[in-house]
Amino acid sequence: MDENVIFSKSDQPLQPPQQQAQVSPVVVSQTQAAVSPPSSPPADPMLPKPPESSGFPGGILKWVGLVVGILVIAIVIFLITTHFKGDSKEEPVTLTYWGLFEDKQVMQSLVDDFHRLNPKITVNYVQKDVRDYRQGLVTQIINGNGPDIYRFHNSWVGMMRQYLSPLTEGILTSDDLKNNYYPIIQKDLVRNGAVYGVPLQIDDLALFINSDLFSAGGKSVPKTWDEFVKVAKDLVVKDSNGRIQTAGASLGTFDNITHAPDIIALLMAQNGTDFSNFSVTKANAAQALEFYTAFAKDEGSVWDSTLDPSLTAFSKGNLAMYFGYSWDIFSIKALNSQLNFSIHPVPNLPGRKIGMASYWVEGVSLKSKHQKEAMLFMKYLAQKETLQKHYTEVAKTRLFGEIYPRRDLGQTLMTNPLVSPFVEQAEYATSSYFMSDTYDKGINDQMNVYLGNTIRGSDSTSAASNIDTLSQGVDQVLAKYGK
């Protein structure tokens, strides 16, 4: 605390008293002085009245004492406030950071580097289980016990915005996202000009094919949906009773297809569905649903509800075409390291090149008591060097790291055939509230309930006939959780 005491000086310097005029000495006898002292002369009304105090020396002491007292009080106040309040810039701060998929060993290298740059700030990374994450996160934030920094899904921005602090200036702006990141990231994370998180990765749905089945059938990778339908029908293998032994493609049902909501959302988006204004484009959505469910209907089916979950079926070699994200590669390799497969961009409608993104973002809790320090950590995470280090650390434990959210860094991964299709599609990917594997018990799960009921109901009626129920459900969920 700075205390400035200003002392004013008089305009004129102190003047010595004027000399009295010399007078003739008066001779008084000793007897006269002892018995009768001379009386005081009459007061001259023209002379100023003398001060009541003793005069000049006492006035100076009084002012000096006052100044010293003020200085002592100021110093005491400063020492007391410094002792009890402290200087916030110098106080050690510990930030709690909740993550999901990376263990502490992987993230520790990042937080250690940040701590070296900011010795007064310690980041405590805690890995959480995604299956019971979102509701627990919200509960803890409301109770005042939540983390300072946490991971959230790109489709949760509207649902979580009341618990998120917009990034402060100089961390990551809307223009930064527009110029350096993939377009979908700006669309998802910016609200009214404010940015609500720092992405460390991006991912999107891709087409996995069984290379051996394609080679045996003499097939090329389909680039359009018409080509996809033909390849799926040509590669399906059924026994004498019509039961599928090798499926052509995993589409048509809901409960045994990994990422069913995402695949349906992809078809809807390519067919012109507006997820934020679903009821206006429900006819487009209905057409996409009819196309999707046809893969598991009648004698021309290439998939059915009796088969293994699609990820398992593909890993066993019993499925020719599978739709998945980059992290599915690790699951497939773990289930069958010998499987010969390759990855490609998803088929598209002519003139409608659209992919489907699903990714996670780091944000600052609105209830954090250390906003300044948390934002400093966000700035660190947004740096190119941090993203590169993060990729390198993750790649030490598996085939590759999390795919860069930045265009310039993404291009460095194009030589990796396992990753390049996801990077290519990131440039034209969109997003949806129909998302699998977020376990949010909120906007995603509730949207998927309506979608699943629509697909299951298509066994007895057409999916298009249930589109009104789906549309009403979508509107209700969006009204509850926001867009």
Protein backbone atom coordinates (compact mmCIF):
# COMPACT_ATOMS: atom_id res chain seq x y z
CA MET A 1 0.00 0.00 0.00
CA ASP A 2 1.47 3.40 -1.01
CA GLU A 3 0.75 6.32 1.36
CA ASN A 4 1.59 9.81 0.09
CA VAL A 5 1.33 12.63 2.66
CA ILE A 6 1.54 16.09 1.14
CA PHE A 7 2.70 18.94 3.34
CA SER A 8 1.90 22.52 2.25
CA LYS A 9 4.40 25.29 2.89
CA SER A 10 3.37 28.81 3.70
CA ASP A 11 3.69 31.29 0.88
CA GLN A 12 6.02 33.54 2.86
CA PRO A 13 8.97 32.50 5.03
CA LEU A 14 8.80 33.16 8.71
CA GLN A 15 9.95 36.74 9.46
CA PRO A 16 11.95 37.82 12.55
CA PRO A 17 10.16 40.23 14.89
CA GLN A 18 10.68 43.90 14.11
CA GLN A 19 13.15 45.73 16.33
CA GLN A 20 11.57 48.05 18.84
CA ALA A 21 12.52 51.70 18.74
CA GLN A 22 15.23 52.69 21.18
CA VAL A 23 14.03 54.59 24.23
CA SER A 24 15.90 56.53 26.91
CA PRO A 25 16.75 54.49 29.96
CA VAL A 26 14.69 55.14 33.02
CA VAL A 27 16.47 55.27 36.35
CA VAL A 28 14.55 53.80 39.17
CA SER A 29 15.69 53.70 42.73
CA GLN A 30 15.86 50.36 44.45
CA THR A 31 13.31 51.44 47.01
CA GLN A 32 10.84 52.57 44.39
CA ALA A 33 11.24 49.31 42.38
CA ALA A 34 10.58 47.11 45.34
CA VAL A 35 7.57 48.99 46.69
CA SER A 36 5.76 50.20 43.60
CA PRO A 37 6.46 48.65 40.19
CA PRO A 38 5.51 50.77 37.28
CA SER A 39 1.96 50.26 35.96
CA SER A 40 1.44 48.83 32.45
CA PRO A 41 1.01 51.38 29.73
CA PRO A 42 -2.50 51.64 28.27
CA ALA A 43 -3.22 49.27 25.42
CA ASP A 44 -2.70 50.74 22.01
CA PRO A 45 -5.75 49.79 19.91
CA MET A 46 -3.67 49.93 16.73
CA LEU A 47 -1.32 47.12 17.76
CA PRO A 48 -2.25 43.41 17.12
CA LYS A 49 -3.28 41.37 20.11
CA PRO A 50 -0.42 39.07 21.15
CA PRO A 51 -1.02 35.30 20.86
CA GLU A 52 -2.24 33.44 23.87
CA SER A 53 0.39 30.69 23.46
CA SER A 54 3.95 31.07 24.45
CA GLY A 55 4.77 31.89 20.79
CA PHE A 56 7.11 30.71 18.03
CA PRO A 57 8.99 27.64 19.43
CA GLY A 58 5.82 25.85 20.66
CA GLY A 59 4.05 26.15 17.25
CA ILE A 60 6.86 24.37 15.44
CA LEU A 61 6.86 21.50 17.90
CA LYS A 62 3.13 21.14 17.50
CA TRP A 63 3.40 20.79 13.69
CA VAL A 64 6.36 18.43 13.86
CA GLY A 65 4.49 16.20 16.29
CA LEU A 66 1.45 16.12 14.00
CA VAL A 67 3.52 15.14 10.95
CA VAL A 68 5.40 12.43 12.84
CA GLY A 69 2.10 11.05 14.15
CA ILE A 70 0.61 10.82 10.68
CA LEU A 71 3.71 9.05 9.35
CA VAL A 72 3.70 6.55 12.21
CA ILE A 73 0.01 5.78 11.71
CA ALA A 74 0.53 5.30 7.95
CA ILE A 75 3.45 2.94 8.51
CA VAL A 76 1.53 0.90 11.09
CA ILE A 77 -1.50 0.58 8.76
CA PHE A 78 0.76 -0.49 5.90
CA LEU A 79 2.51 -3.14 8.00
CA ILE A 80 -0.77 -4.50 9.38
CA THR A 81 -2.49 -4.78 6.00
CA THR A 82 0.59 -6.30 4.39
CA HIS A 83 0.89 -8.86 7.16
CA PHE A 84 -2.74 -9.97 7.21
CA LYS A 85 -3.78 -9.43 3.60
CA GLY A 86 -0.53 -10.04 1.82
CA ASP A 87 0.39 -9.25 -1.73
CA SER A 88 -1.72 -11.50 -4.00
CA LYS A 89 0.97 -11.47 -6.66
CA GLU A 90 3.34 -13.23 -4.32
CA GLU A 91 0.99 -15.75 -2.71
CA PRO A 92 1.48 -19.36 -3.87
CA VAL A 93 -1.60 -20.68 -5.69
CA THR A 94 -2.64 -24.27 -6.45
CA LEU A 95 -4.98 -24.84 -9.40
CA THR A 96 -7.03 -28.03 -9.66
CA TYR A 97 -7.38 -29.34 -13.23
CA TRP A 98 -9.85 -32.13 -14.09
CA GLY A 99 -9.06 -34.16 -17.20
CA LEU A 100 -10.42 -37.36 -18.70
CA PHE A 101 -8.41 -39.47 -21.10
CA GLU A 102 -4.78 -38.68 -20.37
CA ASP A 103 -3.27 -40.07 -17.18
CA LYS A 104 -1.31 -37.91 -14.78
CA GLN A 105 2.05 -39.13 -16.01
CA VAL A 106 1.34 -37.79 -19.51
CA MET A 107 0.05 -34.43 -18.30
CA GLN A 108 2.69 -33.94 -15.62
CA SER A 109 5.30 -32.87 -18.13
CA LEU A 110 3.05 -30.00 -19.24
CA VAL A 111 2.15 -28.80 -15.76
CA ASP A 112 5.80 -29.03 -14.67
CA ASP A 113 6.86 -26.80 -17.54
CA PHE A 114 4.18 -24.30 -16.62
CA HIS A 115 5.32 -24.34 -12.99
CA ARG A 116 8.90 -23.61 -14.02
CA LEU A 117 7.66 -20.54 -15.87
CA ASN A 118 5.36 -19.57 -13.00
CA PRO A 119 6.96 -20.76 -9.73
CA LYS A 120 4.14 -19.39 -7.59
CA ILE A 121 1.47 -21.46 -9.41
CA THR A 122 1.09 -25.22 -8.99
CA VAL A 123 -1.33 -27.20 -11.16
CA ASN A 124 -2.77 -30.39 -9.69
CA TYR A 125 -4.04 -32.58 -12.54
CA VAL A 126 -6.73 -35.14 -11.66
CA GLN A 127 -7.88 -37.77 -14.16
CA LYS A 128 -11.63 -38.44 -14.00
CA ASP A 129 -13.85 -41.23 -15.38
CA VAL A 130 -15.97 -39.94 -18.26
CA ARG A 131 -18.89 -42.22 -17.37
CA ASP A 132 -19.90 -40.24 -14.30
CA TYR A 133 -18.12 -37.01 -15.06
CA ARG A 134 -20.45 -34.24 -16.21
CA GLN A 135 -23.10 -34.39 -13.48
CA GLY A 136 -20.46 -34.70 -10.76
CA LEU A 137 -18.59 -31.75 -12.24
CA VAL A 138 -21.66 -29.51 -12.17
CA THR A 139 -22.55 -30.56 -8.63
CA GLN A 140 -19.08 -29.75 -7.35
CA ILE A 141 -19.00 -26.39 -9.13
CA ILE A 142 -22.37 -25.40 -7.62
CA ASN A 143 -21.17 -26.46 -4.15
CA GLY A 144 -18.02 -24.39 -4.51
CA ASN A 145 -15.74 -27.44 -4.51
CA GLY A 146 -15.22 -27.84 -8.23
CA PRO A 147 -11.94 -27.60 -10.15
CA ASP A 148 -10.44 -24.36 -11.40
CA ILE A 149 -9.94 -25.87 -14.87
CA TYR A 150 -11.85 -28.73 -16.46
CA ARG A 151 -12.39 -30.58 -19.72
CA PHE A 152 -15.73 -30.46 -21.52
CA HIS A 153 -17.16 -31.71 -24.83
CA ASN A 154 -17.56 -29.36 -27.78
CA SER A 155 -21.33 -29.99 -27.81
CA TRP A 156 -21.65 -28.86 -24.15
CA VAL A 157 -20.88 -25.16 -24.59
CA GLY A 158 -24.52 -24.07 -24.38
CA MET A 159 -25.20 -26.43 -21.48
CA MET A 160 -22.05 -25.50 -19.52
CA ARG A 161 -21.71 -21.80 -20.35
CA GLN A 162 -23.20 -20.76 -17.01
CA TYR A 163 -20.26 -22.56 -15.37
CA LEU A 164 -17.54 -21.30 -17.74
CA SER A 165 -15.50 -18.10 -17.69
CA PRO A 166 -14.90 -16.56 -21.12
CA LEU A 167 -11.21 -16.35 -21.91
CA THR A 168 -9.60 -13.04 -21.06
CA GLU A 169 -7.90 -10.87 -23.64
CA GLY A 170 -4.65 -12.12 -25.12
CA ILE A 171 -5.26 -15.85 -24.68
CA LEU A 172 -7.28 -17.01 -27.68
CA THR A 173 -9.57 -14.65 -29.59
CA SER A 174 -12.26 -15.26 -32.15
CA ASP A 175 -9.85 -13.98 -34.81
CA ASP A 176 -7.17 -16.41 -33.60
CA LEU A 177 -9.61 -19.28 -34.06
CA LYS A 178 -10.68 -18.02 -37.46
CA ASN A 179 -7.14 -17.62 -38.75
CA ASN A 180 -5.35 -20.60 -37.21
CA TYR A 181 -7.88 -23.27 -36.18
CA TYR A 182 -10.40 -25.39 -38.03
CA PRO A 183 -13.70 -23.60 -38.76
CA ILE A 184 -15.85 -25.86 -36.58
CA ILE A 185 -13.84 -24.87 -33.49
CA GLN A 186 -14.70 -21.21 -33.92
CA LYS A 187 -18.36 -22.12 -34.55
CA ASP A 188 -18.55 -24.25 -31.40
CA LEU A 189 -16.56 -22.19 -28.89
CA VAL A 190 -17.48 -18.57 -29.68
CA ARG A 191 -20.62 -17.00 -28.18
CA ASN A 192 -21.30 -13.28 -28.68
CA GLY A 193 -17.66 -12.70 -29.51
CA ALA A 194 -16.34 -14.43 -26.36
CA VAL A 195 -14.28 -17.63 -26.52
CA TYR A 196 -15.17 -20.36 -24.00
CA GLY A 197 -12.20 -22.70 -23.98
CA VAL A 198 -8.88 -23.86 -25.36
CA PRO A 199 -8.94 -27.00 -27.55
CA LEU A 200 -5.98 -29.36 -27.32
CA GLN A 201 -7.26 -31.67 -30.06
CA ILE A 202 -9.90 -32.37 -32.70
CA ASP A 203 -11.42 -35.57 -34.04
CA ASP A 204 -14.03 -36.53 -36.61
CA LEU A 205 -15.85 -39.56 -37.93
CA ALA A 206 -14.01 -41.56 -40.62
CA LEU A 207 -14.58 -44.69 -42.71
CA PHE A 208 -12.62 -47.80 -41.63
CA ILE A 209 -12.42 -50.60 -44.19
CA ASN A 210 -11.29 -54.21 -43.92
CA SER A 211 -8.51 -54.25 -46.51
CA ASP A 212 -8.57 -58.04 -46.95
CA LEU A 213 -12.32 -58.15 -47.63
CA PHE A 214 -12.02 -55.29 -50.11
CA SER A 215 -9.14 -56.98 -51.90
CA ALA A 216 -10.95 -60.32 -52.06
CA GLY A 217 -14.05 -58.64 -53.46
CA GLY A 218 -12.12 -56.44 -55.85
CA LYS A 219 -13.63 -53.27 -54.43
CA SER A 220 -12.42 -49.69 -54.24
CA VAL A 221 -13.02 -47.36 -51.33
CA PRO A 222 -16.41 -45.63 -51.87
CA LYS A 223 -16.37 -41.85 -52.07
CA THR A 224 -20.11 -41.27 -52.52
CA TRP A 225 -23.11 -42.82 -50.77
CA ASP A 226 -24.26 -44.46 -53.98
CA GLU A 227 -20.90 -46.20 -54.23
CA PHE A 228 -21.11 -47.08 -50.54
CA VAL A 229 -24.50 -48.80 -50.93
CA LYS A 230 -23.24 -50.91 -53.84
CA VAL A 231 -20.04 -51.98 -52.06
CA ALA A 232 -21.95 -52.87 -48.86
CA LYS A 233 -24.38 -55.10 -50.76
CA ASP A 234 -21.60 -56.76 -52.74
CA LEU A 235 -19.49 -57.58 -49.66
CA VAL A 236 -22.23 -58.87 -47.34
CA VAL A 237 -22.11 -62.66 -46.82
CA LYS A 238 -25.19 -64.60 -45.65
CA ASP A 239 -25.73 -68.26 -44.87
CA SER A 240 -28.42 -70.47 -46.42
CA ASN A 241 -30.95 -69.17 -43.90
CA GLY A 242 -30.28 -65.56 -44.77
CA ARG A 243 -28.37 -64.82 -41.59
CA ILE A 244 -25.50 -62.37 -41.99
CA GLN A 245 -22.06 -63.91 -41.52
CA THR A 246 -20.00 -60.99 -42.80
CA ALA A 247 -21.72 -57.63 -42.71
CA GLY A 248 -21.27 -55.16 -45.52
CA ALA A 249 -21.58 -52.02 -43.36
CA SER A 250 -22.72 -51.08 -39.86
CA LEU A 251 -25.78 -48.92 -40.47
CA GLY A 252 -29.52 -49.38 -39.91
CA THR A 253 -29.94 -50.16 -36.19
CA PHE A 254 -29.17 -48.20 -33.05
CA ASP A 255 -28.19 -50.30 -30.05
CA ASN A 256 -25.44 -52.46 -31.57
CA ILE A 257 -23.77 -49.78 -33.70
CA THR A 258 -20.88 -47.93 -32.14
CA HIS A 259 -21.38 -44.18 -32.70
CA ALA A 260 -24.88 -44.63 -34.14
CA PRO A 261 -25.96 -41.08 -33.16
CA ASP A 262 -22.86 -39.59 -34.80
CA ILE A 263 -23.39 -41.53 -38.05
CA ILE A 264 -27.04 -40.48 -38.24
CA ALA A 265 -26.05 -36.87 -37.50
CA LEU A 266 -23.51 -37.06 -40.34
CA LEU A 267 -26.22 -38.16 -42.79
CA MET A 268 -28.61 -35.49 -41.53
CA ALA A 269 -25.97 -32.74 -41.85
CA GLN A 270 -25.05 -33.77 -45.37
CA ASN A 271 -28.77 -33.76 -46.25
CA GLY A 272 -29.23 -30.19 -45.03
CA THR A 273 -30.55 -30.62 -41.48
CA ASP A 274 -30.10 -27.61 -39.18
CA PHE A 275 -29.57 -29.01 -35.67
CA SER A 276 -30.19 -25.63 -34.03
CA ASN A 277 -33.52 -25.25 -35.84
CA PHE A 278 -34.47 -28.87 -36.25
CA SER A 279 -38.21 -28.47 -36.81
CA VAL A 280 -37.70 -26.26 -39.86
CA THR A 281 -35.55 -28.89 -41.59
CA LYS A 282 -37.23 -32.03 -40.25
CA ALA A 283 -38.04 -33.20 -43.80
CA ASN A 284 -34.30 -33.30 -44.52
CA ALA A 285 -33.76 -35.26 -41.32
CA ALA A 286 -36.54 -37.69 -42.24
CA GLN A 287 -34.90 -38.48 -45.59
CA ALA A 288 -31.59 -39.17 -43.84
CA LEU A 289 -33.32 -41.50 -41.35
CA GLU A 290 -35.01 -43.44 -44.13
CA PHE A 291 -31.68 -43.90 -45.88
CA TYR A 292 -30.00 -45.03 -42.67
CA THR A 293 -32.61 -47.59 -41.58
CA ALA A 294 -32.76 -49.17 -45.05
CA PHE A 295 -29.38 -50.89 -44.44
CA ALA A 296 -31.01 -53.22 -41.89
CA LYS A 297 -34.33 -53.90 -43.64
CA ASP A 298 -35.72 -56.61 -45.87
CA GLU A 299 -33.75 -59.08 -47.93
CA GLY A 300 -31.27 -56.46 -49.07
CA SER A 301 -30.03 -55.82 -45.54
CA VAL A 302 -26.28 -55.64 -44.90
CA TRP A 303 -26.59 -55.36 -41.09
CA ASP A 304 -29.07 -56.40 -38.37
CA SER A 305 -29.72 -56.14 -34.65
CA THR A 306 -28.48 -59.70 -33.90
CA LEU A 307 -24.85 -58.95 -34.74
CA ASP A 308 -22.03 -58.07 -32.36
CA PRO A 309 -21.47 -54.39 -31.61
CA SER A 310 -19.94 -52.92 -34.72
CA LEU A 311 -16.53 -52.21 -33.15
CA THR A 312 -16.29 -55.83 -32.04
CA ALA A 313 -17.54 -57.16 -35.39
CA PHE A 314 -14.98 -55.11 -37.29
CA SER A 315 -12.15 -56.16 -34.97
CA LYS A 316 -13.07 -59.81 -35.55
CA GLY A 317 -12.96 -59.36 -39.31
CA ASN A 318 -16.72 -59.81 -39.71
CA LEU A 319 -17.53 -56.32 -40.96
CA ALA A 320 -16.35 -54.73 -44.19
CA MET A 321 -16.99 -51.05 -43.36
CA TYR A 322 -17.09 -49.34 -39.97
CA PHE A 323 -17.47 -45.68 -38.95
CA GLY A 324 -15.27 -44.51 -36.11
CA TYR A 325 -13.05 -41.85 -34.57
CA SER A 326 -9.27 -41.83 -34.26
CA TRP A 327 -9.37 -43.24 -30.72
CA ASP A 328 -11.14 -46.36 -32.07
CA ILE A 329 -7.85 -47.31 -33.69
CA PHE A 330 -6.39 -48.12 -30.29
CA SER A 331 -9.38 -50.28 -29.35
CA ILE A 332 -9.25 -52.19 -32.62
CA LYS A 333 -5.52 -52.77 -32.31
CA ALA A 334 -6.01 -53.99 -28.75
CA LEU A 335 -8.71 -56.46 -29.81
CA ASN A 336 -6.93 -57.71 -32.94
CA SER A 337 -3.41 -56.50 -33.62
CA GLN A 338 -3.29 -58.56 -36.84
CA LEU A 339 -6.32 -56.99 -38.50
CA ASN A 340 -5.49 -55.44 -41.86
CA PHE A 341 -7.49 -52.24 -42.19
CA SER A 342 -7.19 -48.71 -43.55
CA ILE A 343 -8.95 -45.41 -42.85
CA HIS A 344 -10.53 -42.97 -45.29
CA PRO A 345 -12.77 -39.89 -45.41
CA VAL A 346 -16.49 -40.60 -45.08
CA PRO A 347 -18.65 -40.78 -48.24
CA ASN A 348 -20.42 -37.58 -49.24
CA LEU A 349 -23.39 -36.46 -51.26
CA PRO A 350 -22.39 -34.71 -54.50
CA GLY A 351 -21.47 -31.11 -53.73
CA ARG A 352 -21.93 -31.55 -49.97
CA LYS A 353 -18.57 -32.34 -48.45
CA ILE A 354 -19.32 -32.46 -44.75
CA GLY A 355 -17.74 -34.39 -41.87
CA MET A 356 -18.81 -34.82 -38.24
CA ALA A 357 -16.53 -33.59 -35.44
CA SER A 358 -16.36 -34.68 -31.82
CA TYR A 359 -13.64 -33.30 -29.54
CA TRP A 360 -12.89 -32.02 -26.03
CA VAL A 361 -11.91 -28.59 -24.75
CA GLU A 362 -10.25 -27.15 -21.62
CA GLY A 363 -12.11 -24.36 -19.80
CA VAL A 364 -11.97 -22.23 -16.64
CA SER A 365 -14.68 -22.58 -14.02
CA LEU A 366 -16.69 -19.44 -13.39
CA LYS A 367 -16.50 -20.27 -9.68
CA SER A 368 -12.70 -20.51 -9.55
CA LYS A 369 -11.17 -18.24 -6.91
CA HIS A 370 -8.00 -17.95 -8.97
CA GLN A 371 -9.23 -16.56 -12.28
CA LYS A 372 -6.01 -14.72 -13.11
CA GLU A 373 -3.80 -17.76 -12.52
CA ALA A 374 -6.21 -20.11 -14.34
CA MET A 375 -6.26 -17.81 -17.36
CA LEU A 376 -2.46 -17.75 -17.32
CA PHE A 377 -2.52 -21.55 -17.56
CA MET A 378 -5.02 -21.31 -20.45
CA LYS A 379 -2.63 -19.00 -22.26
CA TYR A 380 0.12 -21.55 -21.78
CA LEU A 381 -2.08 -24.38 -23.14
CA ALA A 382 -2.96 -22.36 -26.24
CA GLN A 383 0.65 -21.93 -27.33
CA LYS A 384 1.86 -23.91 -30.34
CA GLU A 385 4.81 -25.26 -28.40
CA THR A 386 2.51 -26.63 -25.71
CA LEU A 387 0.31 -28.39 -28.29
CA GLN A 388 3.40 -29.95 -29.86
CA LYS A 389 4.70 -31.09 -26.49
CA HIS A 390 1.29 -32.51 -25.61
CA TYR A 391 1.20 -34.52 -28.84
CA THR A 392 4.72 -35.82 -28.22
CA GLU A 393 3.96 -36.87 -24.64
CA VAL A 394 0.78 -38.71 -25.64
CA ALA A 395 2.57 -40.39 -28.56
CA LYS A 396 5.02 -41.94 -26.09
CA THR A 397 2.24 -44.18 -24.77
CA ARG A 398 0.36 -45.04 -27.99
CA LEU A 399 0.56 -44.93 -31.81
CA PHE A 400 -0.01 -41.19 -32.09
CA GLY A 401 -1.02 -38.19 -30.00
CA GLU A 402 -4.20 -36.16 -30.00
CA ILE A 403 -4.80 -34.63 -33.43
CA TYR A 404 -3.87 -30.95 -33.51
CA PRO A 405 -6.72 -28.43 -33.55
CA ARG A 406 -4.56 -25.95 -35.50
CA ARG A 407 -4.38 -26.10 -39.28
CA ASP A 408 -0.65 -25.43 -39.50
CA LEU A 409 0.21 -28.18 -37.02
CA GLY A 410 -2.33 -30.58 -38.50
CA GLN A 411 -0.50 -30.49 -41.81
CA THR A 412 2.55 -32.01 -40.12
CA LEU A 413 0.52 -35.21 -39.57
CA MET A 414 -0.52 -35.76 -43.17
CA THR A 415 2.24 -38.31 -43.78
CA ASN A 416 0.71 -40.66 -41.19
CA PRO A 417 -1.95 -42.79 -42.98
CA LEU A 418 -3.72 -43.56 -39.71
CA VAL A 419 -4.19 -39.88 -38.94
CA SER A 420 -4.32 -38.04 -42.28
CA PRO A 421 -8.03 -38.76 -43.04
CA PHE A 422 -9.09 -37.13 -39.76
CA VAL A 423 -6.89 -34.10 -40.47
CA GLU A 424 -8.27 -33.78 -44.00
CA GLN A 425 -11.88 -33.86 -42.84
CA ALA A 426 -11.35 -31.40 -39.99
CA GLU A 427 -11.34 -28.58 -42.53
CA TYR A 428 -14.99 -29.21 -43.49
CA ALA A 429 -16.39 -30.88 -40.36
CA THR A 430 -19.54 -29.73 -38.57
CA SER A 431 -20.91 -30.71 -35.15
CA SER A 432 -24.14 -31.95 -33.60
CA TYR A 433 -25.90 -32.59 -30.29
CA PHE A 434 -26.41 -36.22 -31.38
CA MET A 435 -23.12 -37.49 -29.96
CA SER A 436 -22.07 -40.84 -28.52
CA ASP A 437 -19.77 -41.66 -25.61
CA THR A 438 -20.03 -38.37 -23.67
CA TYR A 439 -22.12 -39.96 -20.87
CA ASP A 440 -23.31 -36.47 -19.96
CA LYS A 441 -26.83 -37.35 -18.76
CA GLY A 442 -27.70 -34.05 -20.36
CA ILE A 443 -28.05 -32.67 -23.85
CA ASN A 444 -26.33 -35.56 -25.67
CA ASP A 445 -27.89 -38.46 -23.79
CA GLN A 446 -31.37 -36.96 -23.88
CA MET A 447 -31.14 -36.21 -27.61
CA ASN A 448 -30.00 -39.78 -28.20
CA VAL A 449 -33.00 -41.20 -26.30
CA TYR A 450 -35.37 -39.56 -28.77
CA LEU A 451 -33.20 -40.58 -31.71
CA GLY A 452 -32.91 -44.19 -30.55
CA ASN A 453 -36.67 -44.49 -30.08
CA THR A 454 -37.16 -43.20 -33.61
CA ILE A 455 -34.78 -45.76 -35.10
CA ARG A 456 -36.23 -48.65 -33.08
CA GLY A 457 -39.74 -47.61 -34.08
CA SER A 458 -38.80 -47.91 -37.73
CA ASP A 459 -39.04 -51.72 -37.39
CA SER A 460 -42.84 -51.43 -37.52
CA THR A 461 -43.25 -48.01 -39.17
CA SER A 462 -41.09 -45.72 -41.22
CA ALA A 463 -38.63 -43.46 -39.47
CA ALA A 464 -40.13 -40.54 -41.36
CA SER A 465 -43.50 -41.15 -39.70
CA ASN A 466 -41.87 -40.62 -36.29
CA ILE A 467 -40.06 -37.43 -37.28
CA ASP A 468 -42.58 -35.17 -35.53
CA THR A 469 -41.97 -36.91 -32.21
CA LEU A 470 -38.22 -36.61 -32.71
CA SER A 471 -38.53 -32.95 -33.66
CA GLN A 472 -40.58 -32.15 -30.56
CA GLY A 473 -38.06 -33.98 -28.40
CA VAL A 474 -35.16 -32.04 -29.90
CA ASP A 475 -36.93 -28.72 -29.29
CA GLN A 476 -37.60 -29.66 -25.65
CA VAL A 477 -33.99 -30.61 -24.98
CA LEU A 478 -32.63 -27.47 -26.62
CA ALA A 479 -35.05 -25.34 -24.61
CA LYS A 480 -33.77 -26.99 -21.43
CA TYR A 481 -30.04 -26.88 -22.07
CA GLY A 482 -29.61 -24.06 -24.57
CA LYS A 483 -27.87 -24.05 -27.92
